[in-house]
Amino acid sequence: MVQIRCGPHLIADIEAIVFDKDGTLADSRGLLQRTAIARAEAISTAVGGGDDLTPALLDCFGVSAQGIDPDGLMAAGTREANRQGAVAVLVQAGYAAEKVTDVVAECFAAVNTARNGKAAYTPPFEGTAAMLQRLHHNPLKIGVLSSDSPAYVEEFLSYYALMPWVDELRGTAPGEPPKPDPTLLIEMCDRLQVAISRTLIVGDSWADLALVEQAAAAGFVSVSEPWGRHPVSGATLIINHWDDLAVDA
């Protein structure tokens, strides 16, 4: 166990730090917004929707003229949750659920295929690699737990050569419970052989805070303005730069 320094504060007896990916390690704002727009336009075209359908879908995804809502469905939800949200919008607009469910899935897949990967469009925030390398001390364990798919989590860490500094990674596959359900965190801590009560969560959304509360983890460290968002209300601690986070000798 080690002490973790968060700015002027110390948190003692920590065995692991688990990071969220999108919005925390990866700057995904631009890609998420472009993907949401592409999905909304593709779905609207596929079903022959009127002028109101695309804006309704974007509102569901949490995208507006002001940008992407960091707590909205696109930024904080799983791919499956976004699919379900799109289907709900279409059903409310009068389309039959059994007809549009496949259409939504096909449009999501087509947008992903056209994009040809994700990591290249979601660079790490400044200082991420140096921070992970700095924290990668025995016996401290480093994990990445994301609502993104397992393949995209691995792609991001591999593309930016971050894998050597991460002991365990976990995405959310279809059918698995997303954050804030603690199931995947419990599984990760079991594999890392650490106690959840001695595990810090670092993230950017309400789901990360709720995960800490439901899992009874050691605390939640919220990223802040340099990440393009206000700190999450109720966070244990707030950091303003990756240099704020360190192992205290």
Protein backbone atom coordinates (compact mmCIF):
# COMPACT_ATOMS: atom_id res chain seq x y z
CA MET A 1 0.00 0.00 0.00
CA VAL A 2 1.09 3.57 -0.70
CA GLN A 3 0.11 7.15 -0.01
CA ILE A 4 -1.34 9.09 -2.94
CA ARG A 5 -0.78 12.82 -3.08
CA CYS A 6 -3.56 14.86 -4.71
CA GLY A 7 -2.25 18.40 -4.69
CA PRO A 8 -1.78 19.28 -1.01
CA HIS A 9 -3.81 16.30 0.20
CA LEU A 10 -2.69 12.78 1.09
CA ILE A 11 -4.76 9.62 0.89
CA ALA A 12 -3.13 6.78 2.79
CA ASP A 13 -3.18 3.01 2.34
CA ILE A 14 -4.08 2.90 -1.36
CA GLU A 15 -3.55 -0.32 -3.32
CA ALA A 16 -4.87 0.70 -6.75
CA ILE A 17 -5.98 3.63 -8.89
CA VAL A 18 -8.61 2.96 -11.57
CA PHE A 19 -9.05 5.54 -14.34
CA ASP A 20 -12.02 6.21 -16.58
CA LYS A 21 -11.00 6.52 -20.27
CA ASP A 22 -13.10 8.95 -22.32
CA GLY A 23 -13.01 12.45 -20.86
CA THR A 24 -10.34 11.45 -18.33
CA LEU A 25 -7.39 9.84 -20.09
CA ALA A 26 -8.65 10.45 -23.64
CA ASP A 27 -9.84 13.76 -25.06
CA SER A 28 -12.85 12.39 -26.90
CA ARG A 29 -15.06 15.48 -27.04
CA GLY A 30 -14.64 16.21 -30.73
CA LEU A 31 -15.04 12.62 -31.84
CA LEU A 32 -18.10 12.01 -29.67
CA GLN A 33 -19.83 15.08 -31.06
CA ARG A 34 -19.04 14.18 -34.68
CA THR A 35 -20.14 10.58 -34.10
CA ALA A 36 -23.43 11.66 -32.53
CA ILE A 37 -24.19 13.95 -35.47
CA ALA A 38 -23.31 11.23 -37.99
CA ARG A 39 -25.50 8.69 -36.18
CA ALA A 40 -28.46 11.08 -35.94
CA GLU A 41 -28.26 12.01 -39.62
CA ALA A 42 -27.87 8.39 -40.73
CA ILE A 43 -30.87 7.25 -38.68
CA SER A 44 -33.04 10.12 -39.85
CA THR A 45 -32.18 9.37 -43.48
CA ALA A 46 -32.75 5.63 -43.04
CA VAL A 47 -36.26 6.02 -41.65
CA GLY A 48 -37.20 8.98 -43.84
CA GLY A 49 -37.56 11.22 -40.82
CA GLY A 50 -38.68 14.81 -40.93
CA ASP A 51 -36.79 17.95 -39.94
CA ASP A 52 -37.49 17.39 -36.25
CA LEU A 53 -36.00 13.90 -35.99
CA THR A 54 -32.28 14.72 -36.19
CA PRO A 55 -32.47 17.44 -33.49
CA ALA A 56 -34.48 15.07 -31.27
CA LEU A 57 -31.84 12.37 -31.64
CA LEU A 58 -29.04 14.84 -30.91
CA ASP A 59 -30.89 16.03 -27.82
CA CYS A 60 -31.17 12.41 -26.69
CA PHE A 61 -27.41 11.93 -27.21
CA GLY A 62 -26.62 15.10 -25.26
CA VAL A 63 -25.36 17.18 -28.17
CA SER A 64 -26.39 20.78 -28.83
CA ALA A 65 -25.11 23.87 -30.62
CA GLN A 66 -23.05 24.58 -27.48
CA GLY A 67 -21.23 21.25 -27.76
CA ILE A 68 -21.45 17.89 -26.00
CA ASP A 69 -22.87 17.50 -22.51
CA PRO A 70 -20.15 15.74 -20.44
CA ASP A 71 -22.89 14.06 -18.40
CA GLY A 72 -25.08 13.24 -21.41
CA LEU A 73 -25.75 9.88 -23.01
CA MET A 74 -23.05 10.13 -25.67
CA ALA A 75 -20.31 11.21 -23.25
CA ALA A 76 -21.19 9.08 -20.22
CA GLY A 77 -23.36 6.24 -21.55
CA THR A 78 -22.54 2.95 -23.21
CA ARG A 79 -23.03 2.21 -26.90
CA GLU A 80 -26.04 0.06 -25.97
CA ALA A 81 -27.57 2.85 -23.89
CA ASN A 82 -27.21 5.21 -26.86
CA ARG A 83 -28.86 2.64 -29.16
CA GLN A 84 -31.74 2.24 -26.76
CA GLY A 85 -32.08 6.00 -26.48
CA ALA A 86 -32.25 6.39 -30.26
CA VAL A 87 -34.89 3.65 -30.52
CA ALA A 88 -36.95 5.38 -27.80
CA VAL A 89 -36.85 8.65 -29.76
CA LEU A 90 -38.07 6.88 -32.89
CA VAL A 91 -40.84 5.07 -31.03
CA GLN A 92 -41.98 8.37 -29.51
CA ALA A 93 -42.03 9.82 -33.03
CA GLY A 94 -44.42 7.06 -34.10
CA TYR A 95 -42.15 4.36 -35.54
CA ALA A 96 -42.63 0.73 -34.54
CA ALA A 97 -39.91 -0.50 -32.17
CA GLU A 98 -39.58 -3.86 -33.92
CA LYS A 99 -38.86 -2.09 -37.22
CA VAL A 100 -36.39 0.54 -36.05
CA THR A 101 -34.26 -1.46 -33.60
CA ASP A 102 -32.32 -3.10 -36.44
CA VAL A 103 -32.17 0.17 -38.37
CA VAL A 104 -30.51 1.94 -35.43
CA ALA A 105 -27.99 -0.88 -34.96
CA GLU A 106 -27.14 -0.84 -38.67
CA CYS A 107 -26.67 2.94 -38.68
CA PHE A 108 -24.40 2.81 -35.63
CA ALA A 109 -22.33 0.09 -37.30
CA ALA A 110 -22.11 2.02 -40.58
CA VAL A 111 -20.86 5.15 -38.80
CA ASN A 112 -18.20 3.12 -36.99
CA THR A 113 -17.10 1.43 -40.21
CA ALA A 114 -16.78 4.75 -42.01
CA ARG A 115 -14.69 6.11 -39.12
CA ASN A 116 -12.29 3.12 -39.27
CA GLY A 117 -11.16 3.06 -35.65
CA LYS A 118 -11.33 5.50 -32.79
CA ALA A 119 -8.00 5.93 -31.03
CA ALA A 120 -6.47 8.22 -33.66
CA TYR A 121 -9.26 10.75 -33.00
CA THR A 122 -9.12 10.59 -29.17
CA PRO A 123 -5.63 11.68 -28.09
CA PRO A 124 -4.57 11.51 -24.46
CA PHE A 125 -4.81 14.72 -22.48
CA GLU A 126 -1.47 16.46 -22.01
CA GLY A 127 0.76 14.69 -19.52
CA THR A 128 -1.23 11.43 -19.42
CA ALA A 129 1.64 9.13 -20.41
CA ALA A 130 4.06 10.75 -17.96
CA MET A 131 1.49 10.54 -15.17
CA LEU A 132 0.82 6.82 -15.72
CA GLN A 133 4.53 6.07 -15.88
CA ARG A 134 5.10 8.07 -12.67
CA LEU A 135 2.35 6.22 -10.81
CA HIS A 136 3.37 2.77 -12.00
CA HIS A 137 5.13 1.81 -8.77
CA ASN A 138 5.00 -1.51 -7.04
CA PRO A 139 2.89 -2.29 -5.09
CA LEU A 140 0.41 0.28 -6.53
CA LYS A 141 -1.76 -1.17 -9.31
CA ILE A 142 -3.15 0.85 -12.22
CA GLY A 143 -6.44 -0.01 -13.96
CA VAL A 144 -8.58 1.50 -16.71
CA LEU A 145 -12.33 0.88 -16.51
CA SER A 146 -14.51 2.32 -19.28
CA SER A 147 -18.06 2.25 -20.57
CA ASP A 148 -16.51 2.06 -24.04
CA SER A 149 -16.14 -1.33 -25.73
CA PRO A 150 -13.24 -3.59 -24.67
CA ALA A 151 -11.76 -3.36 -28.17
CA TYR A 152 -11.69 0.44 -28.12
CA VAL A 153 -10.14 0.55 -24.65
CA GLU A 154 -7.35 -1.73 -25.80
CA GLU A 155 -6.97 0.20 -29.07
CA PHE A 156 -6.51 3.50 -27.21
CA LEU A 157 -3.93 2.17 -24.77
CA SER A 158 -2.00 0.37 -27.51
CA TYR A 159 -2.14 3.22 -30.04
CA TYR A 160 -0.60 5.69 -27.58
CA ALA A 161 1.86 3.18 -26.04
CA LEU A 162 0.22 3.40 -22.61
CA MET A 163 -0.18 -0.34 -22.13
CA PRO A 164 3.13 -0.83 -20.22
CA TRP A 165 1.86 1.44 -17.44
CA VAL A 166 -1.54 -0.26 -17.00
CA ASP A 167 -1.93 -3.48 -15.01
CA GLU A 168 -5.55 -4.21 -15.95
CA LEU A 169 -8.00 -2.82 -18.51
CA ARG A 170 -11.73 -3.37 -18.77
CA GLY A 171 -14.28 -2.15 -21.27
CA THR A 172 -18.02 -2.79 -21.19
CA ALA A 173 -19.20 -5.47 -23.62
CA PRO A 174 -22.83 -5.74 -24.82
CA GLY A 175 -24.97 -7.20 -22.05
CA GLU A 176 -22.55 -6.28 -19.28
CA PRO A 177 -23.66 -3.83 -16.58
CA PRO A 178 -22.18 -0.35 -17.22
CA LYS A 179 -20.98 2.09 -14.61
CA PRO A 180 -22.12 2.95 -11.99
CA ASP A 181 -22.96 -0.72 -11.44
CA PRO A 182 -19.92 -1.98 -9.48
CA THR A 183 -19.79 -5.47 -11.04
CA LEU A 184 -16.94 -4.75 -13.47
CA LEU A 185 -14.97 -2.85 -10.83
CA ILE A 186 -15.32 -5.80 -8.46
CA GLU A 187 -14.03 -8.14 -11.18
CA MET A 188 -11.11 -5.81 -11.93
CA CYS A 189 -10.10 -5.54 -8.29
CA ASP A 190 -10.27 -9.32 -7.96
CA ARG A 191 -7.88 -9.69 -10.90
CA LEU A 192 -5.58 -7.02 -9.49
CA GLN A 193 -5.80 -8.68 -6.07
CA VAL A 194 -6.60 -5.39 -4.35
CA ALA A 195 -9.38 -4.32 -2.01
CA ILE A 196 -12.07 -2.03 -3.43
CA SER A 197 -11.98 -0.11 -0.16
CA ARG A 198 -8.33 0.75 -0.95
CA THR A 199 -8.97 1.67 -4.61
CA LEU A 200 -9.23 5.26 -5.88
CA ILE A 201 -11.37 6.08 -8.92
CA VAL A 202 -10.32 8.96 -11.19
CA GLY A 203 -12.91 10.21 -13.64
CA ASP A 204 -14.94 13.03 -15.12
CA SER A 205 -18.61 12.16 -14.66
CA TRP A 206 -21.42 11.49 -12.23
CA ALA A 207 -21.18 7.78 -13.16
CA ASP A 208 -17.66 7.58 -11.73
CA LEU A 209 -18.78 9.22 -8.47
CA ALA A 210 -21.81 6.92 -8.24
CA LEU A 211 -19.55 3.93 -8.90
CA VAL A 212 -17.43 4.88 -5.90
CA GLU A 213 -20.51 5.22 -3.73
CA GLN A 214 -22.04 1.92 -4.82
CA ALA A 215 -18.77 0.00 -4.56
CA ALA A 216 -17.61 1.68 -1.31
CA ALA A 217 -14.26 2.50 -2.92
CA ALA A 218 -11.61 4.64 -1.22
CA GLY A 219 -12.64 7.86 -2.97
CA PHE A 220 -13.34 9.70 -6.20
CA VAL A 221 -10.87 12.13 -7.76
CA SER A 222 -12.53 14.45 -10.27
CA VAL A 223 -10.72 16.04 -13.19
CA SER A 224 -11.69 19.66 -13.82
CA GLU A 225 -11.49 22.69 -16.12
CA PRO A 226 -8.34 21.72 -18.09
CA TRP A 227 -10.31 18.65 -19.17
CA GLY A 228 -13.06 20.90 -20.49
CA ARG A 229 -15.60 20.46 -17.72
CA HIS A 230 -16.53 21.57 -14.24
CA PRO A 231 -15.51 19.22 -11.40
CA VAL A 232 -18.12 16.65 -10.40
CA SER A 233 -20.04 17.85 -7.36
CA GLY A 234 -19.43 15.58 -4.38
CA ALA A 235 -15.97 14.43 -5.44
CA THR A 236 -13.53 13.49 -2.69
CA LEU A 237 -10.78 15.56 -4.32
CA ILE A 238 -10.33 17.68 -7.48
CA ILE A 239 -7.23 17.86 -9.64
CA ASN A 240 -6.30 20.63 -12.07
CA HIS A 241 -3.35 18.92 -13.76
CA TRP A 242 -1.92 15.42 -13.88
CA ASP A 243 1.04 16.77 -11.88
CA ASP A 244 -1.39 17.05 -8.94
CA LEU A 245 -1.51 13.25 -8.75
CA ALA A 246 1.55 11.41 -7.43
CA VAL A 247 2.79 8.60 -5.23
CA ASP A 248 4.13 10.10 -2.01
CA ALA A 249 7.48 8.57 -1.11
